[in-house]
Amino acid sequence: MRGTPLLIDAKPAEGYAVHVRFEDGLTADVDLSYLLPYGGVFERPNEADVAPETLYAHVRRRAAATA
């Protein structure tokens, strides 16, 4: 059993954001600009992946903050 719903879609949004949609219906734009200071693997064009669990946690926090 998965702990995190399946990531259905992820598309670039404004700036450093990505619009994500999960199988449980949660959707949001997640701002990934906080990764810029880390450089290295997060520099262009390294195509680093951000784990779906991390994206989902961001979406849940955002939903809780606006509730």
PDB file of N, CA and C in Angstrom:
ATOM      1  N   MET A   1       0.836  -1.175   0.000  1.00  0.00           N
ATOM      2  CA  MET A   1       0.000   0.000   0.000  1.00  0.00           C
ATOM      3  C   MET A   1       0.887   1.246   0.000  1.00  0.00           C
ATOM      4  N   ARG A   2       0.578   2.203  -0.880  1.00  0.00           N
ATOM      5  CA  ARG A   2       1.323   3.461  -0.964  1.00  0.00           C
ATOM      6  C   ARG A   2       0.917   4.390   0.155  1.00  0.00           C
ATOM      7  N   GLY A   3       1.891   5.143   0.672  1.00  0.00           N
ATOM      8  CA  GLY A   3       1.595   6.157   1.662  1.00  0.00           C
ATOM      9  C   GLY A   3       1.221   7.477   1.025  1.00  0.00           C
ATOM     10  N   THR A   4       1.695   7.685  -0.196  1.00  0.00           N
ATOM     11  CA  THR A   4       1.435   8.930  -0.917  1.00  0.00           C
ATOM     12  C   THR A   4       0.624   8.611  -2.168  1.00  0.00           C
ATOM     13  N   PRO A   5      -0.441   9.372  -2.413  1.00  0.00           N
ATOM     14  CA  PRO A   5      -1.197   9.151  -3.656  1.00  0.00           C
ATOM     15  C   PRO A   5      -0.311   9.325  -4.883  1.00  0.00           C
ATOM     16  N   LEU A   6      -0.652   8.646  -5.926  1.00  0.00           N
ATOM     17  CA  LEU A   6       0.099   8.681  -7.172  1.00  0.00           C
ATOM     18  C   LEU A   6       0.068  10.079  -7.791  1.00  0.00           C
ATOM     19  N   LEU A   7       1.220  10.550  -8.232  1.00  0.00           N
ATOM     20  CA  LEU A   7       1.310  11.817  -8.950  1.00  0.00           C
ATOM     21  C   LEU A   7       0.798  11.575 -10.365  1.00  0.00           C
ATOM     22  N   ILE A   8      -0.291  12.246 -10.719  1.00  0.00           N
ATOM     23  CA  ILE A   8      -0.941  12.044 -12.018  1.00  0.00           C
ATOM     24  C   ILE A   8      -0.346  12.952 -13.085  1.00  0.00           C
ATOM     25  N   ASP A   9      -0.042  14.209 -12.698  1.00  0.00           N
ATOM     26  CA  ASP A   9       0.412  15.179 -13.681  1.00  0.00           C
ATOM     27  C   ASP A   9       1.311  16.213 -13.013  1.00  0.00           C
ATOM     28  N   ALA A  10       2.311  16.665 -13.729  1.00  0.00           N
ATOM     29  CA  ALA A  10       3.192  17.746 -13.266  1.00  0.00           C
ATOM     30  C   ALA A  10       3.594  18.555 -14.489  1.00  0.00           C
ATOM     31  N   LYS A  11       3.307  19.872 -14.431  1.00  0.00           N
ATOM     32  CA  LYS A  11       3.615  20.744 -15.564  1.00  0.00           C
ATOM     33  C   LYS A  11       4.274  22.018 -15.047  1.00  0.00           C
ATOM     34  N   PRO A  12       5.192  22.579 -15.825  1.00  0.00           N
ATOM     35  CA  PRO A  12       5.805  23.851 -15.413  1.00  0.00           C
ATOM     36  C   PRO A  12       4.741  24.930 -15.258  1.00  0.00           C
ATOM     37  N   ALA A  13       4.940  25.776 -14.255  1.00  0.00           N
ATOM     38  CA  ALA A  13       4.054  26.922 -14.026  1.00  0.00           C
ATOM     39  C   ALA A  13       4.927  28.182 -14.019  1.00  0.00           C
ATOM     40  N   GLU A  14       4.432  29.284 -13.458  1.00  0.00           N
ATOM     41  CA  GLU A  14       5.181  30.548 -13.400  1.00  0.00           C
ATOM     42  C   GLU A  14       6.470  30.392 -12.611  1.00  0.00           C
ATOM     43  N   GLY A  15       7.517  31.034 -13.091  1.00  0.00           N
ATOM     44  CA  GLY A  15       8.783  31.066 -12.354  1.00  0.00           C
ATOM     45  C   GLY A  15       9.345  29.679 -12.105  1.00  0.00           C
ATOM     46  N   TYR A  16       9.568  29.386 -10.839  1.00  0.00           N
ATOM     47  CA  TYR A  16      10.134  28.091 -10.452  1.00  0.00           C
ATOM     48  C   TYR A  16       9.071  27.143  -9.896  1.00  0.00           C
ATOM     49  N   ALA A  17       7.840  27.386 -10.257  1.00  0.00           N
ATOM     50  CA  ALA A  17       6.738  26.562  -9.755  1.00  0.00           C
ATOM     51  C   ALA A  17       6.420  25.434 -10.726  1.00  0.00           C
ATOM     52  N   VAL A  18       5.825  24.409 -10.177  1.00  0.00           N
ATOM     53  CA  VAL A  18       5.318  23.299 -10.975  1.00  0.00           C
ATOM     54  C   VAL A  18       3.894  23.030 -10.512  1.00  0.00           C
ATOM     55  N   HIS A  19       2.977  22.849 -11.477  1.00  0.00           N
ATOM     56  CA  HIS A  19       1.585  22.536 -11.153  1.00  0.00           C
ATOM     57  C   HIS A  19       1.469  21.022 -11.068  1.00  0.00           C
ATOM     58  N   VAL A  20       1.039  20.524  -9.912  1.00  0.00           N
ATOM     59  CA  VAL A  20       0.947  19.080  -9.710  1.00  0.00           C
ATOM     60  C   VAL A  20      -0.494  18.675  -9.435  1.00  0.00           C
ATOM     61  N   ARG A  21      -0.802  17.445  -9.829  1.00  0.00           N
ATOM     62  CA  ARG A  21      -2.125  16.867  -9.578  1.00  0.00           C
ATOM     63  C   ARG A  21      -1.923  15.429  -9.130  1.00  0.00           C
ATOM     64  N   PHE A  22      -2.564  15.080  -8.009  1.00  0.00           N
ATOM     65  CA  PHE A  22      -2.442  13.739  -7.447  1.00  0.00           C
ATOM     66  C   PHE A  22      -3.747  12.981  -7.600  1.00  0.00           C
ATOM     67  N   GLU A  23      -3.673  11.649  -7.507  1.00  0.00           N
ATOM     68  CA  GLU A  23      -4.843  10.800  -7.749  1.00  0.00           C
ATOM     69  C   GLU A  23      -5.972  11.031  -6.750  1.00  0.00           C
ATOM     70  N   ASP A  24      -5.666  11.624  -5.586  1.00  0.00           N
ATOM     71  CA  ASP A  24      -6.727  11.885  -4.609  1.00  0.00           C
ATOM     72  C   ASP A  24      -7.422  13.227  -4.853  1.00  0.00           C
ATOM     73  N   GLY A  25      -7.048  13.907  -5.955  1.00  0.00           N
ATOM     74  CA  GLY A  25      -7.700  15.150  -6.325  1.00  0.00           C
ATOM     75  C   GLY A  25      -6.971  16.407  -5.890  1.00  0.00           C
ATOM     76  N   LEU A  26      -5.953  16.282  -5.035  1.00  0.00           N
ATOM     77  CA  LEU A  26      -5.212  17.472  -4.620  1.00  0.00           C
ATOM     78  C   LEU A  26      -4.414  18.023  -5.801  1.00  0.00           C
ATOM     79  N   THR A  27      -4.533  19.331  -6.004  1.00  0.00           N
ATOM     80  CA  THR A  27      -3.780  20.014  -7.043  1.00  0.00           C
ATOM     81  C   THR A  27      -3.267  21.324  -6.469  1.00  0.00           C
ATOM     82  N   ALA A  28      -2.111  21.763  -6.965  1.00  0.00           N
ATOM     83  CA  ALA A  28      -1.562  23.050  -6.524  1.00  0.00           C
ATOM     84  C   ALA A  28      -0.330  23.364  -7.342  1.00  0.00           C
ATOM     85  N   ASP A  29       0.046  24.633  -7.296  1.00  0.00           N
ATOM     86  CA  ASP A  29       1.341  25.051  -7.823  1.00  0.00           C
ATOM     87  C   ASP A  29       2.321  25.016  -6.664  1.00  0.00           C
ATOM     88  N   VAL A  30       3.411  24.295  -6.832  1.00  0.00           N
ATOM     89  CA  VAL A  30       4.434  24.179  -5.796  1.00  0.00           C
ATOM     90  C   VAL A  30       5.644  24.992  -6.230  1.00  0.00           C
ATOM     91  N   ASP A  31       6.025  25.967  -5.414  1.00  0.00           N
ATOM     92  CA  ASP A  31       7.180  26.819  -5.694  1.00  0.00           C
ATOM     93  C   ASP A  31       8.449  26.105  -5.242  1.00  0.00           C
ATOM     94  N   LEU A  32       9.306  25.790  -6.198  1.00  0.00           N
ATOM     95  CA  LEU A  32      10.539  25.062  -5.896  1.00  0.00           C
ATOM     96  C   LEU A  32      11.752  25.985  -5.827  1.00  0.00           C
ATOM     97  N   SER A  33      11.532  27.279  -5.759  1.00  0.00           N
ATOM     98  CA  SER A  33      12.654  28.218  -5.729  1.00  0.00           C
ATOM     99  C   SER A  33      13.516  28.042  -4.485  1.00  0.00           C
ATOM    100  N   TYR A  34      12.969  27.424  -3.444  1.00  0.00           N
ATOM    101  CA  TYR A  34      13.763  27.194  -2.236  1.00  0.00           C
ATOM    102  C   TYR A  34      14.952  26.260  -2.491  1.00  0.00           C
ATOM    103  N   LEU A  35      14.930  25.543  -3.599  1.00  0.00           N
ATOM    104  CA  LEU A  35      16.025  24.624  -3.933  1.00  0.00           C
ATOM    105  C   LEU A  35      17.210  25.323  -4.590  1.00  0.00           C
ATOM    106  N   LEU A  36      17.022  26.535  -5.085  1.00  0.00           N
ATOM    107  CA  LEU A  36      18.077  27.238  -5.813  1.00  0.00           C
ATOM    108  C   LEU A  36      19.370  27.399  -5.023  1.00  0.00           C
ATOM    109  N   PRO A  37      19.340  27.733  -3.738  1.00  0.00           N
ATOM    110  CA  PRO A  37      20.591  27.897  -3.007  1.00  0.00           C
ATOM    111  C   PRO A  37      21.426  26.615  -2.910  1.00  0.00           C
ATOM    112  N   TYR A  38      20.814  25.462  -3.122  1.00  0.00           N
ATOM    113  CA  TYR A  38      21.545  24.202  -3.026  1.00  0.00           C
ATOM    114  C   TYR A  38      22.448  23.968  -4.232  1.00  0.00           C
ATOM    115  N   GLY A  39      22.148  24.622  -5.364  1.00  0.00           N
ATOM    116  CA  GLY A  39      22.977  24.479  -6.560  1.00  0.00           C
ATOM    117  C   GLY A  39      23.175  23.024  -6.935  1.00  0.00           C
ATOM    118  N   GLY A  40      24.366  22.720  -7.416  1.00  0.00           N
ATOM    119  CA  GLY A  40      24.703  21.338  -7.763  1.00  0.00           C
ATOM    120  C   GLY A  40      23.676  20.673  -8.639  1.00  0.00           C
ATOM    121  N   VAL A  41      23.074  19.630  -8.139  1.00  0.00           N
ATOM    122  CA  VAL A  41      22.128  18.846  -8.908  1.00  0.00           C
ATOM    123  C   VAL A  41      20.893  19.665  -9.302  1.00  0.00           C
ATOM    124  N   PHE A  42      20.598  20.745  -8.588  1.00  0.00           N
ATOM    125  CA  PHE A  42      19.422  21.550  -8.901  1.00  0.00           C
ATOM    126  C   PHE A  42      19.710  22.685  -9.879  1.00  0.00           C
ATOM    127  N   GLU A  43      20.923  22.746 -10.407  1.00  0.00           N
ATOM    128  CA  GLU A  43      21.231  23.747 -11.423  1.00  0.00           C
ATOM    129  C   GLU A  43      20.776  23.245 -12.786  1.00  0.00           C
ATOM    130  N   ARG A  44      20.442  24.186 -13.678  1.00  0.00           N
ATOM    131  CA  ARG A  44      20.075  23.804 -15.042  1.00  0.00           C
ATOM    132  C   ARG A  44      21.283  23.230 -15.734  1.00  0.00           C
ATOM    133  N   PRO A  45      21.227  22.311 -16.643  1.00  0.00           N
ATOM    134  CA  PRO A  45      20.080  21.487 -17.048  1.00  0.00           C
ATOM    135  C   PRO A  45      20.176  20.093 -16.467  1.00  0.00           C
ATOM    136  N   ASN A  46      20.459  19.954 -15.214  1.00  0.00           N
ATOM    137  CA  ASN A  46      20.686  18.644 -14.605  1.00  0.00           C
ATOM    138  C   ASN A  46      19.450  17.761 -14.507  1.00  0.00           C
ATOM    139  N   GLU A  47      18.274  18.325 -14.716  1.00  0.00           N
ATOM    140  CA  GLU A  47      17.034  17.561 -14.730  1.00  0.00           C
ATOM    141  C   GLU A  47      16.828  16.740 -13.463  1.00  0.00           C
ATOM    142  N   ALA A  48      17.108  17.346 -12.325  1.00  0.00           N
ATOM    143  CA  ALA A  48      16.912  16.662 -11.042  1.00  0.00           C
ATOM    144  C   ALA A  48      15.429  16.377 -10.824  1.00  0.00           C
ATOM    145  N   ASP A  49      15.165  15.291 -10.169  1.00  0.00           N
ATOM    146  CA  ASP A  49      13.788  14.938  -9.813  1.00  0.00           C
ATOM    147  C   ASP A  49      13.535  15.318  -8.364  1.00  0.00           C
ATOM    148  N   VAL A  50      12.335  15.781  -8.097  1.00  0.00           N
ATOM    149  CA  VAL A  50      11.880  16.005  -6.730  1.00  0.00           C
ATOM    150  C   VAL A  50      10.873  14.892  -6.450  1.00  0.00           C
ATOM    151  N   ALA A  51      11.058  14.192  -5.349  1.00  0.00           N
ATOM    152  CA  ALA A  51      10.214  13.037  -5.025  1.00  0.00           C
ATOM    153  C   ALA A  51       8.742  13.431  -4.935  1.00  0.00           C
ATOM    154  N   PRO A  52       7.854  12.593  -5.443  1.00  0.00           N
ATOM    155  CA  PRO A  52       6.427  12.862  -5.343  1.00  0.00           C
ATOM    156  C   PRO A  52       5.978  13.073  -3.895  1.00  0.00           C
ATOM    157  N   GLU A  53       6.611  12.368  -2.963  1.00  0.00           N
ATOM    158  CA  GLU A  53       6.262  12.525  -1.546  1.00  0.00           C
ATOM    159  C   GLU A  53       6.533  13.952  -1.078  1.00  0.00           C
ATOM    160  N   THR A  54       7.625  14.535  -1.566  1.00  0.00           N
ATOM    161  CA  THR A  54       7.976  15.906  -1.213  1.00  0.00           C
ATOM    162  C   THR A  54       6.958  16.875  -1.793  1.00  0.00           C
ATOM    163  N   LEU A  55       6.598  16.680  -3.044  1.00  0.00           N
ATOM    164  CA  LEU A  55       5.605  17.543  -3.679  1.00  0.00           C
ATOM    165  C   LEU A  55       4.263  17.442  -2.960  1.00  0.00           C
ATOM    166  N   TYR A  56       3.873  16.226  -2.611  1.00  0.00           N
ATOM    167  CA  TYR A  56       2.599  16.018  -1.926  1.00  0.00           C
ATOM    168  C   TYR A  56       2.597  16.713  -0.563  1.00  0.00           C
ATOM    169  N   ALA A  57       3.708  16.628   0.149  1.00  0.00           N
ATOM    170  CA  ALA A  57       3.811  17.290   1.454  1.00  0.00           C
ATOM    171  C   ALA A  57       3.631  18.803   1.301  1.00  0.00           C
ATOM    172  N   HIS A  58       4.217  19.386   0.259  1.00  0.00           N
ATOM    173  CA  HIS A  58       4.048  20.814  -0.006  1.00  0.00           C
ATOM    174  C   HIS A  58       2.579  21.152  -0.267  1.00  0.00           C
ATOM    175  N   VAL A  59       1.918  20.331  -1.069  1.00  0.00           N
ATOM    176  CA  VAL A  59       0.516  20.572  -1.404  1.00  0.00           C
ATOM    177  C   VAL A  59      -0.344  20.471  -0.148  1.00  0.00           C
ATOM    178  N   ARG A  60      -0.088  19.479   0.692  1.00  0.00           N
ATOM    179  CA  ARG A  60      -0.864  19.305   1.930  1.00  0.00           C
ATOM    180  C   ARG A  60      -0.661  20.491   2.876  1.00  0.00           C
ATOM    181  N   ARG A  61       0.596  20.956   3.021  1.00  0.00           N
ATOM    182  CA  ARG A  61       0.876  22.110   3.879  1.00  0.00           C
ATOM    183  C   ARG A  61       0.147  23.346   3.363  1.00  0.00           C
ATOM    184  N   ARG A  62       0.180  23.538   2.045  1.00  0.00           N
ATOM    185  CA  ARG A  62      -0.488  24.691   1.446  1.00  0.00           C
ATOM    186  C   ARG A  62      -1.997  24.615   1.692  1.00  0.00           C
ATOM    187  N   ALA A  63      -2.563  23.426   1.523  1.00  0.00           N
ATOM    188  CA  ALA A  63      -4.002  23.247   1.738  1.00  0.00           C
ATOM    189  C   ALA A  63      -4.356  23.527   3.205  1.00  0.00           C
ATOM    190  N   ALA A  64      -3.523  23.085   4.126  1.00  0.00           N
ATOM    191  CA  ALA A  64      -3.776  23.295   5.562  1.00  0.00           C
ATOM    192  C   ALA A  64      -3.662  24.788   5.904  1.00  0.00           C
ATOM    193  N   ALA A  65      -2.727  25.479   5.280  1.00  0.00           N
ATOM    194  CA  ALA A  65      -2.506  26.891   5.575  1.00  0.00           C
ATOM    195  C   ALA A  65      -3.651  27.770   5.078  1.00  0.00           C
ATOM    196  N   THR A  66      -4.309  27.326   4.024  1.00  0.00           N
ATOM    197  CA  THR A  66      -5.392  28.119   3.447  1.00  0.00           C
ATOM    198  C   THR A  66      -6.766  27.672   3.942  1.00  0.00           C
ATOM    199  N   ALA A  67      -6.800  26.615   4.737  1.00  0.00           N
ATOM    200  CA  ALA A  67      -8.091  26.092   5.242  1.00  0.00           C
ATOM    201  C   ALA A  67      -8.605  26.911   6.409  1.00  0.00           C
TER     202      ALA A  67
END
